[in-house]
Structure formats: C-alpha cells, structure tokens
C-alpha cells in the first residue's frame, strides 16, 4: 500500500507540473514564450490579452479596450491564431524579441487594429 500511495503522489506531481495551470502565475519574456508548446503559447497569450483588456482605470479607458476587443472579435481570431500572428509580426522586429510578451502583443494590436480612438 505505501508503494501505491507513493506512486500516485508521483503521478499527481507530474500532472500538476506539466499542466498549464501550474504556470498560471508565470511571467515569460518573449523568447521564453516562443519556446513554449503551441497550446501553452495560446493559453498564455489569451491571459495576456484578457489582462490587457482588464486594465481600465476609468470610463475614459473603455473606448481603447473596446477598440482592441472588437477588432480581434471581428477578425474571428482564435487564441492560437493570435499567438501565431504575434510571432510572425515580431519575427521581423528584433527589438520586440527582447521585450515582454505584452509588449509584443500591444505592438501587434496597434499594427493590426490601428491606433485606439483618441479620448
């Protein structure tokens, strides 16, 4: 029985460590993000995009948030497509490869969707 319990604990630890949820609080540089598996890149970029849209200090920020949310929604872009598009966009921009994933996302959104409306 103790061997079975030890084996089950080992399996649970392995599953937790390989789960995307285990990396939920992880901050990745752009280079680290690109090295991730495609599924993890998609999950991570969805979180970065949601976090970016959640940065609303007051009502004046809502048009900016809606601009980018509507743009990606109208494009019918999946999280995987967004991740792939960001990687293609950054490939020819080495200065963005040295920054954060959120920096790459913001630059991609401005390029793809246009500048947000002026408040």
N, C-alpha and C. Protein backbone atom coordinates (compact mmCIF):
# COMPACT_ATOMS: atom_id res chain seq x y z
N UNK A 1 0.81 -1.21 0.00
CA UNK A 1 0.00 0.00 0.00
C UNK A 1 0.85 1.27 0.00
N UNK A 2 1.94 1.36 0.80
CA UNK A 2 2.76 2.57 0.77
C UNK A 2 3.38 2.83 -0.60
N UNK A 3 3.74 1.77 -1.32
CA UNK A 3 4.32 1.95 -2.66
C UNK A 3 3.28 2.53 -3.62
N UNK A 4 2.04 2.07 -3.51
CA UNK A 4 0.97 2.57 -4.36
C UNK A 4 0.72 4.05 -4.06
N UNK A 5 0.68 4.41 -2.79
CA UNK A 5 0.47 5.81 -2.40
C UNK A 5 1.61 6.68 -2.93
N UNK A 6 2.83 6.23 -2.82
CA UNK A 6 4.00 6.97 -3.31
C UNK A 6 3.91 7.14 -4.83
N UNK A 7 3.50 6.08 -5.52
CA UNK A 7 3.37 6.12 -6.97
C UNK A 7 2.28 7.11 -7.40
N UNK A 8 1.15 7.10 -6.69
CA UNK A 8 0.07 8.03 -7.00
C UNK A 8 0.49 9.47 -6.77
N UNK A 9 1.23 9.72 -5.70
CA UNK A 9 1.73 11.07 -5.42
C UNK A 9 2.66 11.53 -6.54
N UNK A 10 3.50 10.62 -7.01
CA UNK A 10 4.42 10.95 -8.09
C UNK A 10 3.67 11.30 -9.38
N UNK A 11 2.64 10.54 -9.68
CA UNK A 11 1.81 10.81 -10.87
C UNK A 11 1.12 12.17 -10.74
N UNK A 12 0.55 12.45 -9.58
CA UNK A 12 -0.13 13.73 -9.37
C UNK A 12 0.86 14.89 -9.50
N UNK A 13 2.04 14.75 -8.94
CA UNK A 13 3.05 15.80 -9.04
C UNK A 13 3.43 16.03 -10.50
N UNK A 14 3.62 14.96 -11.25
CA UNK A 14 3.96 15.09 -12.66
C UNK A 14 2.85 15.80 -13.43
N UNK A 15 1.61 15.41 -13.20
CA UNK A 15 0.49 16.03 -13.91
C UNK A 15 0.36 17.50 -13.56
N UNK A 16 0.58 17.84 -12.31
CA UNK A 16 0.49 19.24 -11.90
C UNK A 16 1.60 20.06 -12.55
N UNK A 17 2.81 19.54 -12.55
CA UNK A 17 3.95 20.28 -13.11
C UNK A 17 3.84 20.48 -14.62
N UNK A 18 3.19 19.57 -15.30
CA UNK A 18 3.07 19.69 -16.76
C UNK A 18 1.79 20.39 -17.19
N UNK A 19 0.97 20.76 -16.24
CA UNK A 19 -0.30 21.40 -16.54
C UNK A 19 -0.12 22.89 -16.81
N UNK A 20 -0.88 23.47 -17.76
CA UNK A 20 -0.84 24.92 -17.97
C UNK A 20 -1.22 25.69 -16.72
N UNK A 21 -2.04 25.11 -15.86
CA UNK A 21 -2.45 25.78 -14.63
C UNK A 21 -1.26 26.00 -13.72
N UNK A 22 -0.28 25.10 -13.76
CA UNK A 22 0.89 25.23 -12.90
C UNK A 22 1.68 26.48 -13.25
N UNK A 23 1.57 26.95 -14.49
CA UNK A 23 2.31 28.13 -14.93
C UNK A 23 1.46 29.40 -14.93
N UNK A 24 0.30 29.34 -14.29
CA UNK A 24 -0.64 30.46 -14.36
C UNK A 24 -0.04 31.76 -13.84
N UNK A 25 0.81 31.68 -12.84
CA UNK A 25 1.41 32.90 -12.29
C UNK A 25 2.76 33.22 -12.90
N UNK A 26 3.16 32.50 -13.90
CA UNK A 26 4.48 32.63 -14.51
C UNK A 26 4.52 33.83 -15.44
N UNK A 27 5.59 34.61 -15.38
CA UNK A 27 5.81 35.71 -16.30
C UNK A 27 6.87 35.26 -17.29
N UNK A 28 6.59 35.35 -18.57
CA UNK A 28 7.53 34.93 -19.59
C UNK A 28 8.03 36.13 -20.39
N UNK A 29 9.31 36.09 -20.71
CA UNK A 29 9.83 37.03 -21.69
C UNK A 29 9.33 36.54 -23.06
N UNK A 30 9.49 37.36 -24.06
CA UNK A 30 9.05 36.95 -25.39
C UNK A 30 9.77 35.68 -25.83
N UNK A 31 11.08 35.63 -25.63
CA UNK A 31 11.86 34.45 -26.06
C UNK A 31 11.42 33.19 -25.32
N UNK A 32 11.11 33.31 -24.03
CA UNK A 32 10.63 32.15 -23.27
C UNK A 32 9.26 31.70 -23.79
N UNK A 33 8.42 32.66 -24.10
CA UNK A 33 7.08 32.37 -24.60
C UNK A 33 7.13 31.64 -25.93
N UNK A 34 7.99 32.10 -26.83
CA UNK A 34 8.12 31.47 -28.15
C UNK A 34 8.57 30.01 -28.01
N UNK A 35 9.37 29.73 -26.99
CA UNK A 35 9.89 28.37 -26.79
C UNK A 35 8.83 27.41 -26.24
N UNK A 36 7.70 27.93 -25.78
CA UNK A 36 6.66 27.08 -25.23
C UNK A 36 5.98 26.27 -26.33
N UNK A 37 5.32 25.21 -25.93
CA UNK A 37 4.46 24.42 -26.80
C UNK A 37 3.34 25.33 -27.33
N UNK A 38 2.85 25.06 -28.52
CA UNK A 38 1.81 25.89 -29.14
C UNK A 38 0.57 26.07 -28.28
N UNK A 39 0.15 25.02 -27.60
CA UNK A 39 -1.03 25.12 -26.74
C UNK A 39 -0.77 26.05 -25.57
N UNK A 40 0.40 25.94 -24.96
CA UNK A 40 0.73 26.81 -23.83
C UNK A 40 0.87 28.26 -24.28
N UNK A 41 1.44 28.46 -25.48
CA UNK A 41 1.53 29.84 -26.01
C UNK A 41 0.14 30.43 -26.18
N UNK A 42 -0.79 29.63 -26.68
CA UNK A 42 -2.16 30.11 -26.90
C UNK A 42 -2.83 30.47 -25.58
N UNK A 43 -2.68 29.60 -24.59
CA UNK A 43 -3.28 29.85 -23.28
C UNK A 43 -2.67 31.11 -22.66
N UNK A 44 -1.36 31.22 -22.76
CA UNK A 44 -0.68 32.37 -22.15
C UNK A 44 -1.09 33.68 -22.83
N UNK A 45 -1.14 33.69 -24.17
CA UNK A 45 -1.50 34.94 -24.87
C UNK A 45 -2.94 35.32 -24.58
N UNK A 46 -3.81 34.34 -24.40
CA UNK A 46 -5.20 34.65 -24.02
C UNK A 46 -5.22 35.37 -22.68
N UNK A 47 -4.41 34.91 -21.75
CA UNK A 47 -4.34 35.56 -20.45
C UNK A 47 -3.76 36.96 -20.52
N UNK A 48 -2.73 37.12 -21.34
CA UNK A 48 -2.12 38.45 -21.51
C UNK A 48 -3.13 39.41 -22.15
N UNK A 49 -3.86 38.94 -23.16
CA UNK A 49 -4.86 39.77 -23.83
C UNK A 49 -5.97 40.14 -22.86
N UNK A 50 -6.47 39.17 -22.09
CA UNK A 50 -7.52 39.46 -21.11
C UNK A 50 -7.03 40.44 -20.05
N UNK A 51 -5.79 40.28 -19.62
CA UNK A 51 -5.22 41.21 -18.63
C UNK A 51 -5.12 42.61 -19.19
N UNK A 52 -4.70 42.69 -20.44
CA UNK A 52 -4.58 44.00 -21.10
C UNK A 52 -5.94 44.67 -21.18
N UNK A 53 -6.96 43.92 -21.53
CA UNK A 53 -8.31 44.49 -21.61
C UNK A 53 -8.85 44.84 -20.23
N UNK A 54 -8.34 44.20 -19.21
CA UNK A 54 -8.80 44.47 -17.85
C UNK A 54 -8.18 45.70 -17.22
N UNK A 55 -7.20 46.31 -17.89
CA UNK A 55 -6.55 47.50 -17.34
C UNK A 55 -7.36 48.74 -17.65
N UNK A 56 -8.44 48.88 -16.95
CA UNK A 56 -9.33 50.02 -17.14
C UNK A 56 -9.36 50.80 -15.84
N UNK A 57 -8.78 52.00 -15.88
CA UNK A 57 -8.77 52.82 -14.67
C UNK A 57 -10.08 53.57 -14.48
N UNK A 58 -10.63 54.04 -15.59
CA UNK A 58 -11.89 54.78 -15.52
C UNK A 58 -12.61 54.67 -16.86
N UNK A 59 -13.72 55.36 -16.98
CA UNK A 59 -14.53 55.27 -18.22
C UNK A 59 -13.79 55.75 -19.46
N UNK A 60 -12.80 56.60 -19.28
CA UNK A 60 -12.05 57.10 -20.43
C UNK A 60 -11.24 56.00 -21.12
N UNK A 61 -10.93 54.92 -20.39
CA UNK A 61 -10.17 53.82 -20.96
C UNK A 61 -11.04 52.82 -21.73
N UNK A 62 -12.34 52.88 -21.54
CA UNK A 62 -13.24 51.90 -22.18
C UNK A 62 -13.18 51.91 -23.71
N UNK A 63 -13.11 53.07 -24.37
CA UNK A 63 -13.02 53.04 -25.84
C UNK A 63 -11.78 52.31 -26.35
N UNK A 64 -10.67 52.42 -25.64
CA UNK A 64 -9.45 51.73 -26.04
C UNK A 64 -9.64 50.22 -25.90
N UNK A 65 -10.17 49.80 -24.77
CA UNK A 65 -10.43 48.39 -24.51
C UNK A 65 -11.38 47.82 -25.56
N UNK A 66 -12.46 48.52 -25.80
CA UNK A 66 -13.45 48.06 -26.79
C UNK A 66 -12.86 48.00 -28.19
N UNK A 67 -12.01 48.96 -28.51
CA UNK A 67 -11.38 49.00 -29.84
C UNK A 67 -10.64 47.70 -30.13
N UNK A 68 -9.78 47.29 -29.22
CA UNK A 68 -8.99 46.08 -29.45
C UNK A 68 -9.82 44.81 -29.30
N UNK A 69 -10.74 44.80 -28.37
CA UNK A 69 -11.60 43.63 -28.21
C UNK A 69 -12.46 43.43 -29.46
N UNK A 70 -13.06 44.51 -29.94
CA UNK A 70 -13.89 44.43 -31.15
C UNK A 70 -13.07 44.03 -32.37
N UNK A 71 -11.87 44.55 -32.47
CA UNK A 71 -11.01 44.24 -33.61
C UNK A 71 -10.71 42.74 -33.69
N UNK A 72 -10.29 42.16 -32.59
CA UNK A 72 -9.95 40.73 -32.57
C UNK A 72 -11.21 39.90 -32.75
N UNK A 73 -12.32 40.34 -32.17
CA UNK A 73 -13.59 39.62 -32.32
C UNK A 73 -14.05 39.65 -33.77
N UNK A 74 -14.01 40.82 -34.41
CA UNK A 74 -14.42 40.94 -35.81
C UNK A 74 -13.54 40.10 -36.73
N UNK A 75 -12.27 39.99 -36.38
CA UNK A 75 -11.35 39.19 -37.19
C UNK A 75 -11.60 37.69 -36.97
N UNK A 76 -12.43 37.37 -35.98
CA UNK A 76 -12.76 35.97 -35.68
C UNK A 76 -11.48 35.17 -35.40
N UNK A 77 -10.55 35.80 -34.69
CA UNK A 77 -9.24 35.23 -34.44
C UNK A 77 -9.25 34.37 -33.17
N UNK A 78 -8.75 33.16 -33.29
CA UNK A 78 -8.63 32.29 -32.12
C UNK A 78 -7.37 32.67 -31.34
N UNK A 79 -7.25 32.13 -30.14
CA UNK A 79 -6.05 32.39 -29.33
C UNK A 79 -4.80 31.86 -30.04
N UNK A 80 -4.93 30.70 -30.67
CA UNK A 80 -3.81 30.13 -31.41
C UNK A 80 -3.40 31.00 -32.59
N UNK A 81 -4.39 31.52 -33.30
CA UNK A 81 -4.10 32.41 -34.43
C UNK A 81 -3.47 33.71 -33.95
N UNK A 82 -3.95 34.24 -32.83
CA UNK A 82 -3.37 35.45 -32.27
C UNK A 82 -1.90 35.20 -31.93
N UNK A 83 -1.62 34.08 -31.28
CA UNK A 83 -0.24 33.75 -30.92
C UNK A 83 0.63 33.62 -32.18
N UNK A 84 0.13 32.92 -33.19
CA UNK A 84 0.89 32.75 -34.44
C UNK A 84 1.11 34.09 -35.14
N UNK A 85 0.10 34.93 -35.14
CA UNK A 85 0.22 36.24 -35.78
C UNK A 85 1.24 37.12 -35.06
N UNK A 86 1.25 37.06 -33.76
CA UNK A 86 2.23 37.85 -32.99
C UNK A 86 3.64 37.37 -33.31
N UNK A 87 3.83 36.05 -33.37
CA UNK A 87 5.17 35.52 -33.67
C UNK A 87 5.61 35.95 -35.08
N UNK A 88 4.72 35.90 -36.05
CA UNK A 88 5.06 36.33 -37.41
C UNK A 88 5.38 37.82 -37.44
N UNK A 89 4.62 38.61 -36.69
CA UNK A 89 4.82 40.06 -36.62
C UNK A 89 6.19 40.39 -36.01
N UNK A 90 6.53 39.72 -34.93
CA UNK A 90 7.76 40.02 -34.18
C UNK A 90 9.00 39.47 -34.88
N UNK A 91 8.82 38.49 -35.74
CA UNK A 91 9.96 37.86 -36.42
C UNK A 91 10.84 38.89 -37.13
N UNK A 92 10.21 39.88 -37.73
CA UNK A 92 10.97 40.90 -38.46
C UNK A 92 11.25 42.15 -37.62
N UNK A 93 11.00 42.06 -36.33
CA UNK A 93 11.22 43.20 -35.43
C UNK A 93 12.06 42.74 -34.23
N UNK A 94 13.37 42.64 -34.41
CA UNK A 94 14.24 42.10 -33.35
C UNK A 94 14.15 42.86 -32.03
N UNK A 95 13.86 44.15 -32.09
CA UNK A 95 13.77 44.92 -30.84
C UNK A 95 12.62 44.42 -29.95
N UNK A 96 11.58 43.88 -30.56
CA UNK A 96 10.46 43.35 -29.77
C UNK A 96 10.77 41.97 -29.20
N UNK A 97 11.72 41.27 -29.78
CA UNK A 97 12.09 39.95 -29.30
C UNK A 97 12.80 40.02 -27.94
N UNK A 98 13.27 41.18 -27.59
CA UNK A 98 13.98 41.37 -26.32
C UNK A 98 13.06 41.87 -25.22
N UNK A 99 11.80 42.03 -25.51
CA UNK A 99 10.85 42.59 -24.55
C UNK A 99 9.92 41.53 -24.01
N UNK A 100 8.87 42.00 -23.39
CA UNK A 100 7.87 41.10 -22.81
C UNK A 100 6.86 40.67 -23.87
N UNK A 101 6.11 39.65 -23.54
CA UNK A 101 5.04 39.19 -24.42
C UNK A 101 3.98 40.29 -24.55
N UNK A 102 3.69 40.96 -23.46
CA UNK A 102 2.68 42.03 -23.51
C UNK A 102 3.13 43.16 -24.43
N UNK A 103 4.42 43.47 -24.44
CA UNK A 103 4.93 44.50 -25.34
C UNK A 103 4.75 44.10 -26.79
N UNK A 104 5.01 42.83 -27.09
CA UNK A 104 4.81 42.32 -28.45
C UNK A 104 3.34 42.37 -28.82
N UNK A 105 2.48 41.97 -27.89
CA UNK A 105 1.03 41.99 -28.13
C UNK A 105 0.53 43.40 -28.42
N UNK A 106 0.93 44.36 -27.61
CA UNK A 106 0.48 45.74 -27.79
C UNK A 106 0.91 46.27 -29.16
N UNK A 107 2.17 46.03 -29.52
CA UNK A 107 2.65 46.49 -30.82
C UNK A 107 1.91 45.81 -31.96
N UNK A 108 1.62 44.52 -31.81
CA UNK A 108 0.85 43.80 -32.84
C UNK A 108 -0.56 44.39 -32.95
N UNK A 109 -1.21 44.62 -31.82
CA UNK A 109 -2.58 45.15 -31.85
C UNK A 109 -2.64 46.52 -32.52
N UNK A 110 -1.68 47.37 -32.24
CA UNK A 110 -1.66 48.69 -32.87
C UNK A 110 -1.48 48.56 -34.38
N UNK A 111 -0.60 47.63 -34.78
CA UNK A 111 -0.36 47.42 -36.21
C UNK A 111 -1.58 46.80 -36.89
N UNK A 112 -2.17 45.79 -36.28
CA UNK A 112 -3.28 45.06 -36.89
C UNK A 112 -4.60 45.84 -36.83
N UNK A 113 -4.86 46.43 -35.68
CA UNK A 113 -6.17 47.09 -35.45
C UNK A 113 -6.13 48.59 -35.67
N UNK A 114 -4.97 49.14 -35.73
CA UNK A 114 -4.84 50.60 -35.80
C UNK A 114 -4.79 51.18 -34.40
N UNK A 115 -4.43 52.43 -34.34
CA UNK A 115 -4.34 53.11 -33.04
C UNK A 115 -5.74 53.22 -32.44
N UNK A 116 -5.80 53.18 -31.12
CA UNK A 116 -7.11 53.32 -30.47
C UNK A 116 -7.64 54.73 -30.65
N UNK A 117 -8.94 54.89 -30.45
CA UNK A 117 -9.52 56.24 -30.59
C UNK A 117 -8.93 57.18 -29.54
N UNK A 118 -8.81 58.43 -29.93
CA UNK A 118 -8.28 59.45 -29.02
C UNK A 118 -9.39 59.82 -28.04
N UNK A 119 -9.04 59.91 -26.80
CA UNK A 119 -10.05 60.25 -25.77
C UNK A 119 -10.41 61.69 -25.80
